[in-house]
Amino acid sequence: HGGQVVSWRNEHGEELLFSSSKAIFKPPKV
């Protein structure tokens, strides 16, 4: 959906990109 990268983690499993805790995951919301 959107060709959107939603996660990028390093070799320790640490998330490097921010995503809001209130993000709405349901289309058509981005």
All heavy atoms as atom14 arrays in JSON, in Angstrom:
{
  "sequence": "HGGQVVSWRNEHGEELLFSSSKAIFKPPKV",
  "atom14_mask": [
    [1, 1, 1, 1, 1, 1, 1, 1, 1, 1, 0, 0, 0, 0],
    [1, 1, 1, 1, 0, 0, 0, 0, 0, 0, 0, 0, 0, 0],
    [1, 1, 1, 1, 0, 0, 0, 0, 0, 0, 0, 0, 0, 0],
    [1, 1, 1, 1, 1, 1, 1, 1, 1, 0, 0, 0, 0, 0],
    [1, 1, 1, 1, 1, 1, 1, 0, 0, 0, 0, 0, 0, 0],
    [1, 1, 1, 1, 1, 1, 1, 0, 0, 0, 0, 0, 0, 0],
    [1, 1, 1, 1, 1, 1, 0, 0, 0, 0, 0, 0, 0, 0],
    [1, 1, 1, 1, 1, 1, 1, 1, 1, 1, 1, 1, 1, 1],
    [1, 1, 1, 1, 1, 1, 1, 1, 1, 1, 1, 0, 0, 0],
    [1, 1, 1, 1, 1, 1, 1, 1, 0, 0, 0, 0, 0, 0],
    [1, 1, 1, 1, 1, 1, 1, 1, 1, 0, 0, 0, 0, 0],
    [1, 1, 1, 1, 1, 1, 1, 1, 1, 1, 0, 0, 0, 0],
    [1, 1, 1, 1, 0, 0, 0, 0, 0, 0, 0, 0, 0, 0],
    [1, 1, 1, 1, 1, 1, 1, 1, 1, 0, 0, 0, 0, 0],
    [1, 1, 1, 1, 1, 1, 1, 1, 1, 0, 0, 0, 0, 0],
    [1, 1, 1, 1, 1, 1, 1, 1, 0, 0, 0, 0, 0, 0],
    [1, 1, 1, 1, 1, 1, 1, 1, 0, 0, 0, 0, 0, 0],
    [1, 1, 1, 1, 1, 1, 1, 1, 1, 1, 1, 0, 0, 0],
    [1, 1, 1, 1, 1, 1, 0, 0, 0, 0, 0, 0, 0, 0],
    [1, 1, 1, 1, 1, 1, 0, 0, 0, 0, 0, 0, 0, 0],
    [1, 1, 1, 1, 1, 1, 0, 0, 0, 0, 0, 0, 0, 0],
    [1, 1, 1, 1, 1, 1, 1, 1, 1, 0, 0, 0, 0, 0],
    [1, 1, 1, 1, 1, 0, 0, 0, 0, 0, 0, 0, 0, 0],
    [1, 1, 1, 1, 1, 1, 1, 1, 0, 0, 0, 0, 0, 0],
    [1, 1, 1, 1, 1, 1, 1, 1, 1, 1, 1, 0, 0, 0],
    [1, 1, 1, 1, 1, 1, 1, 1, 1, 0, 0, 0, 0, 0],
    [1, 1, 1, 1, 1, 1, 1, 0, 0, 0, 0, 0, 0, 0],
    [1, 1, 1, 1, 1, 1, 1, 0, 0, 0, 0, 0, 0, 0],
    [1, 1, 1, 1, 1, 1, 1, 1, 1, 0, 0, 0, 0, 0],
    [1, 1, 1, 1, 1, 1, 1, 0, 0, 0, 0, 0, 0, 0]
  ],
  "atom14_positions": [
    [[0.87, -1.18, 0.0], [0.0, 0.0, 0.0], [0.9, 1.22, 0.0], [1.54, 1.56, 1.0], [-0.93, 0.02, 1.21], [-1.81, 1.25, 1.24], [-2.84, 1.42, 0.35], [-1.78, 2.36, 2.02], [-3.43, 2.58, 0.58], [-2.8, 3.17, 1.59], [0.0, 0.0, 0.0], [0.0, 0.0, 0.0], [0.0, 0.0, 0.0], [0.0, 0.0, 0.0]],
    [[1.0, 1.89, -1.13], [1.8, 3.1, -1.24], [3.26, 2.87, -1.54], [4.01, 3.83, -1.69], [0.0, 0.0, 0.0], [0.0, 0.0, 0.0], [0.0, 0.0, 0.0], [0.0, 0.0, 0.0], [0.0, 0.0, 0.0], [0.0, 0.0, 0.0], [0.0, 0.0, 0.0], [0.0, 0.0, 0.0], [0.0, 0.0, 0.0], [0.0, 0.0, 0.0]],
    [[3.7, 1.6, -1.61], [5.13, 1.35, -1.78], [5.92, 1.97, -0.63], [7.06, 2.4, -0.8], [0.0, 0.0, 0.0], [0.0, 0.0, 0.0], [0.0, 0.0, 0.0], [0.0, 0.0, 0.0], [0.0, 0.0, 0.0], [0.0, 0.0, 0.0], [0.0, 0.0, 0.0], [0.0, 0.0, 0.0], [0.0, 0.0, 0.0], [0.0, 0.0, 0.0]],
    [[5.32, 2.0, 0.55], [5.86, 2.75, 1.68], [6.73, 1.86, 2.56], [6.29, 0.82, 3.05], [4.71, 3.33, 2.52], [5.18, 4.15, 3.71], [4.02, 4.86, 4.39], [2.9, 4.91, 3.88], [4.27, 5.44, 5.55], [0.0, 0.0, 0.0], [0.0, 0.0, 0.0], [0.0, 0.0, 0.0], [0.0, 0.0, 0.0], [0.0, 0.0, 0.0]],
    [[7.98, 2.29, 2.78], [8.81, 1.63, 3.79], [8.22, 1.97, 5.15], [8.06, 3.14, 5.49], [10.27, 2.1, 3.69], [11.09, 1.56, 4.87], [10.9, 1.65, 2.37], [0.0, 0.0, 0.0], [0.0, 0.0, 0.0], [0.0, 0.0, 0.0], [0.0, 0.0, 0.0], [0.0, 0.0, 0.0], [0.0, 0.0, 0.0], [0.0, 0.0, 0.0]],
    [[7.88, 0.94, 5.92], [7.25, 1.16, 7.22], [8.18, 0.83, 8.38], [7.89, 1.16, 9.52], [5.92, 0.37, 7.35], [4.9, 0.88, 6.35], [6.14, -1.13, 7.17], [0.0, 0.0, 0.0], [0.0, 0.0, 0.0], [0.0, 0.0, 0.0], [0.0, 0.0, 0.0], [0.0, 0.0, 0.0], [0.0, 0.0, 0.0], [0.0, 0.0, 0.0]],
    [[9.32, 0.19, 8.07], [10.28, -0.13, 9.13], [11.66, -0.32, 8.53], [11.81, -0.86, 7.43], [9.85, -1.42, 9.86], [10.85, -1.84, 10.78], [0.0, 0.0, 0.0], [0.0, 0.0, 0.0], [0.0, 0.0, 0.0], [0.0, 0.0, 0.0], [0.0, 0.0, 0.0], [0.0, 0.0, 0.0], [0.0, 0.0, 0.0], [0.0, 0.0, 0.0]],
    [[12.67, 0.15, 9.27], [14.07, -0.09, 8.92], [14.82, -0.27, 10.23], [14.86, 0.64, 11.05], [14.62, 1.09, 8.11], [16.1, 1.06, 7.85], [16.87, -0.03, 7.54], [17.0, 2.18, 7.89], [18.18, 0.34, 7.38], [18.3, 1.7, 7.58], [16.84, 3.55, 8.14], [19.42, 2.52, 7.54], [17.96, 4.37, 8.09], [19.22, 3.86, 7.79]],
    [[15.35, -1.46, 10.43], [16.02, -1.79, 11.69], [17.49, -2.14, 11.44], [17.81, -2.75, 10.42], [15.32, -2.96, 12.4], [13.9, -2.64, 12.86], [13.23, -3.85, 13.49], [11.87, -3.56, 13.92], [11.54, -3.13, 15.13], [12.49, -2.97, 16.05], [10.29, -2.88, 15.44], [0.0, 0.0, 0.0], [0.0, 0.0, 0.0], [0.0, 0.0, 0.0]],
    [[18.33, -1.79, 12.42], [19.74, -2.17, 12.31], [19.95, -3.6, 12.78], [18.98, -4.31, 13.13], [20.63, -1.17, 13.08], [20.34, -1.16, 14.58], [19.74, -2.09, 15.13], [20.76, -0.1, 15.25], [0.0, 0.0, 0.0], [0.0, 0.0, 0.0], [0.0, 0.0, 0.0], [0.0, 0.0, 0.0], [0.0, 0.0, 0.0], [0.0, 0.0, 0.0]],
    [[21.21, -4.04, 12.79], [21.5, -5.44, 13.11], [21.16, -5.8, 14.55], [21.05, -6.97, 14.9], [22.98, -5.76, 12.83], [23.98, -5.06, 13.72], [24.36, -3.68, 13.21], [23.63, -3.09, 12.39], [25.42, -3.17, 13.65], [0.0, 0.0, 0.0], [0.0, 0.0, 0.0], [0.0, 0.0, 0.0], [0.0, 0.0, 0.0], [0.0, 0.0, 0.0]],
    [[20.95, -4.76, 15.42], [20.55, -5.01, 16.81], [19.03, -5.0, 16.98], [18.54, -5.13, 18.11], [21.17, -3.96, 17.72], [22.66, -3.84, 17.58], [23.53, -4.87, 17.88], [23.43, -2.81, 17.15], [24.78, -4.48, 17.64], [24.74, -3.24, 17.19], [0.0, 0.0, 0.0], [0.0, 0.0, 0.0], [0.0, 0.0, 0.0], [0.0, 0.0, 0.0]],
    [[18.31, -4.83, 15.87], [16.85, -4.8, 15.93], [16.28, -3.45, 16.32], [15.07, -3.32, 16.54], [0.0, 0.0, 0.0], [0.0, 0.0, 0.0], [0.0, 0.0, 0.0], [0.0, 0.0, 0.0], [0.0, 0.0, 0.0], [0.0, 0.0, 0.0], [0.0, 0.0, 0.0], [0.0, 0.0, 0.0], [0.0, 0.0, 0.0], [0.0, 0.0, 0.0]],
    [[17.12, -2.42, 16.38], [16.66, -1.09, 16.76], [16.01, -0.39, 15.58], [16.58, -0.33, 14.49], [17.86, -0.27, 17.26], [17.51, 1.12, 17.73], [18.74, 1.92, 18.13], [19.87, 1.47, 17.85], [18.56, 3.0, 18.72], [0.0, 0.0, 0.0], [0.0, 0.0, 0.0], [0.0, 0.0, 0.0], [0.0, 0.0, 0.0], [0.0, 0.0, 0.0]],
    [[14.81, 0.15, 15.79], [14.07, 0.85, 14.73], [14.71, 2.21, 14.47], [14.94, 3.0, 15.39], [12.6, 1.02, 15.13], [11.75, 1.71, 14.07], [11.73, 0.98, 12.75], [11.25, -0.17, 12.72], [12.2, 1.56, 11.75], [0.0, 0.0, 0.0], [0.0, 0.0, 0.0], [0.0, 0.0, 0.0], [0.0, 0.0, 0.0], [0.0, 0.0, 0.0]],
    [[14.98, 2.49, 13.2], [15.66, 3.72, 12.8], [14.7, 4.77, 12.23], [15.05, 5.95, 12.14], [16.75, 3.41, 11.78], [17.82, 2.42, 12.28], [18.72, 1.97, 11.15], [18.64, 3.05, 13.41], [0.0, 0.0, 0.0], [0.0, 0.0, 0.0], [0.0, 0.0, 0.0], [0.0, 0.0, 0.0], [0.0, 0.0, 0.0], [0.0, 0.0, 0.0]],
    [[13.51, 4.33, 11.83], [12.5, 5.25, 11.31], [11.43, 5.5, 12.36], [11.11, 4.61, 13.15], [11.85, 4.69, 10.04], [12.78, 4.44, 8.85], [12.0, 3.83, 7.7], [13.46, 5.74, 8.41], [0.0, 0.0, 0.0], [0.0, 0.0, 0.0], [0.0, 0.0, 0.0], [0.0, 0.0, 0.0], [0.0, 0.0, 0.0], [0.0, 0.0, 0.0]],
    [[10.87, 6.69, 12.34], [9.79, 7.03, 13.26], [8.45, 6.65, 12.67], [8.19, 6.89, 11.48], [9.81, 8.54, 13.54], [8.58, 9.05, 14.24], [8.47, 9.0, 15.62], [7.52, 9.56, 13.51], [7.32, 9.46, 16.25], [6.37, 10.03, 14.13], [6.27, 9.98, 15.5], [0.0, 0.0, 0.0], [0.0, 0.0, 0.0], [0.0, 0.0, 0.0]],
    [[7.58, 6.08, 13.49], [6.16, 5.92, 13.17], [5.37, 6.33, 14.4], [5.72, 5.95, 15.52], [5.81, 4.48, 12.78], [6.37, 4.15, 11.53], [0.0, 0.0, 0.0], [0.0, 0.0, 0.0], [0.0, 0.0, 0.0], [0.0, 0.0, 0.0], [0.0, 0.0, 0.0], [0.0, 0.0, 0.0], [0.0, 0.0, 0.0], [0.0, 0.0, 0.0]],
    [[4.32, 7.09, 14.19], [3.54, 7.58, 15.33], [2.8, 6.44, 16.02], [2.3, 5.52, 15.38], [2.54, 8.63, 14.86], [1.67, 8.98, 15.92], [0.0, 0.0, 0.0], [0.0, 0.0, 0.0], [0.0, 0.0, 0.0], [0.0, 0.0, 0.0], [0.0, 0.0, 0.0], [0.0, 0.0, 0.0], [0.0, 0.0, 0.0], [0.0, 0.0, 0.0]],
    [[2.72, 6.53, 17.34], [1.94, 5.55, 18.11], [0.45, 5.69, 17.81], [-0.33, 4.78, 18.06], [2.18, 5.76, 19.61], [1.73, 7.04, 20.01], [0.0, 0.0, 0.0], [0.0, 0.0, 0.0], [0.0, 0.0, 0.0], [0.0, 0.0, 0.0], [0.0, 0.0, 0.0], [0.0, 0.0, 0.0], [0.0, 0.0, 0.0], [0.0, 0.0, 0.0]],
    [[0.06, 6.84, 17.25], [-1.35, 7.07, 16.89], [-1.59, 6.92, 15.4], [-2.65, 7.29, 14.89], [-1.78, 8.47, 17.34], [-1.83, 8.62, 18.86], [-2.53, 9.91, 19.25], [-2.75, 9.98, 20.75], [-3.48, 11.21, 21.14], [0.0, 0.0, 0.0], [0.0, 0.0, 0.0], [0.0, 0.0, 0.0], [0.0, 0.0, 0.0], [0.0, 0.0, 0.0]],
    [[-0.6, 6.38, 14.7], [-0.74, 6.21, 13.24], [-1.96, 5.35, 12.92], [-2.27, 4.39, 13.63], [0.52, 5.57, 12.67], [0.0, 0.0, 0.0], [0.0, 0.0, 0.0], [0.0, 0.0, 0.0], [0.0, 0.0, 0.0], [0.0, 0.0, 0.0], [0.0, 0.0, 0.0], [0.0, 0.0, 0.0], [0.0, 0.0, 0.0], [0.0, 0.0, 0.0]],
    [[-2.65, 5.72, 11.86], [-3.82, 4.97, 11.39], [-3.37, 4.08, 10.24], [-2.86, 4.57, 9.23], [-4.94, 5.94, 10.95], [-5.35, 6.82, 12.14], [-6.14, 5.18, 10.39], [-6.19, 8.02, 11.76], [0.0, 0.0, 0.0], [0.0, 0.0, 0.0], [0.0, 0.0, 0.0], [0.0, 0.0, 0.0], [0.0, 0.0, 0.0], [0.0, 0.0, 0.0]],
    [[-3.51, 2.78, 10.41], [-2.97, 1.83, 9.45], [-3.96, 1.44, 8.36], [-3.64, 0.65, 7.5], [-2.51, 0.55, 10.18], [-1.22, 0.73, 10.93], [-1.21, 1.29, 12.19], [-0.01, 0.35, 10.37], [-0.03, 1.45, 12.89], [1.17, 0.51, 11.06], [1.16, 1.06, 12.32], [0.0, 0.0, 0.0], [0.0, 0.0, 0.0], [0.0, 0.0, 0.0]],
    [[-5.17, 2.0, 8.43], [-6.2, 1.53, 7.51], [-6.32, 2.46, 6.31], [-6.58, 3.65, 6.47], [-7.54, 1.44, 8.24], [-8.57, 0.62, 7.51], [-9.6, 0.05, 8.46], [-10.5, -0.94, 7.73], [-11.46, -1.57, 8.61], [0.0, 0.0, 0.0], [0.0, 0.0, 0.0], [0.0, 0.0, 0.0], [0.0, 0.0, 0.0], [0.0, 0.0, 0.0]],
    [[-6.13, 1.94, 5.08], [-6.36, 2.77, 3.88], [-7.79, 3.3, 3.89], [-8.69, 2.63, 4.4], [-6.15, 1.78, 2.73], [-5.3, 0.7, 3.31], [-5.71, 0.59, 4.76], [0.0, 0.0, 0.0], [0.0, 0.0, 0.0], [0.0, 0.0, 0.0], [0.0, 0.0, 0.0], [0.0, 0.0, 0.0], [0.0, 0.0, 0.0], [0.0, 0.0, 0.0]],
    [[-8.07, 4.49, 3.33], [-7.13, 5.29, 2.53], [-6.21, 6.2, 3.33], [-5.51, 7.01, 2.74], [-8.06, 6.12, 1.65], [-9.27, 6.34, 2.51], [-9.42, 5.08, 3.32], [0.0, 0.0, 0.0], [0.0, 0.0, 0.0], [0.0, 0.0, 0.0], [0.0, 0.0, 0.0], [0.0, 0.0, 0.0], [0.0, 0.0, 0.0], [0.0, 0.0, 0.0]],
    [[-6.19, 6.09, 4.66], [-5.3, 6.93, 5.45], [-3.86, 6.46, 5.25], [-3.58, 5.27, 5.25], [-5.67, 6.83, 6.94], [-4.95, 7.84, 7.82], [-5.4, 9.24, 7.56], [-4.71, 10.23, 8.49], [-5.03, 11.62, 8.19], [0.0, 0.0, 0.0], [0.0, 0.0, 0.0], [0.0, 0.0, 0.0], [0.0, 0.0, 0.0], [0.0, 0.0, 0.0]],
    [[-2.96, 7.42, 5.06], [-1.54, 7.1, 4.89], [-0.88, 6.99, 6.26], [-1.11, 7.83, 7.13], [-0.84, 8.18, 4.04], [0.66, 7.89, 3.93], [-1.47, 8.25, 2.66], [0.0, 0.0, 0.0], [0.0, 0.0, 0.0], [0.0, 0.0, 0.0], [0.0, 0.0, 0.0], [0.0, 0.0, 0.0], [0.0, 0.0, 0.0], [0.0, 0.0, 0.0]]
  ]
}
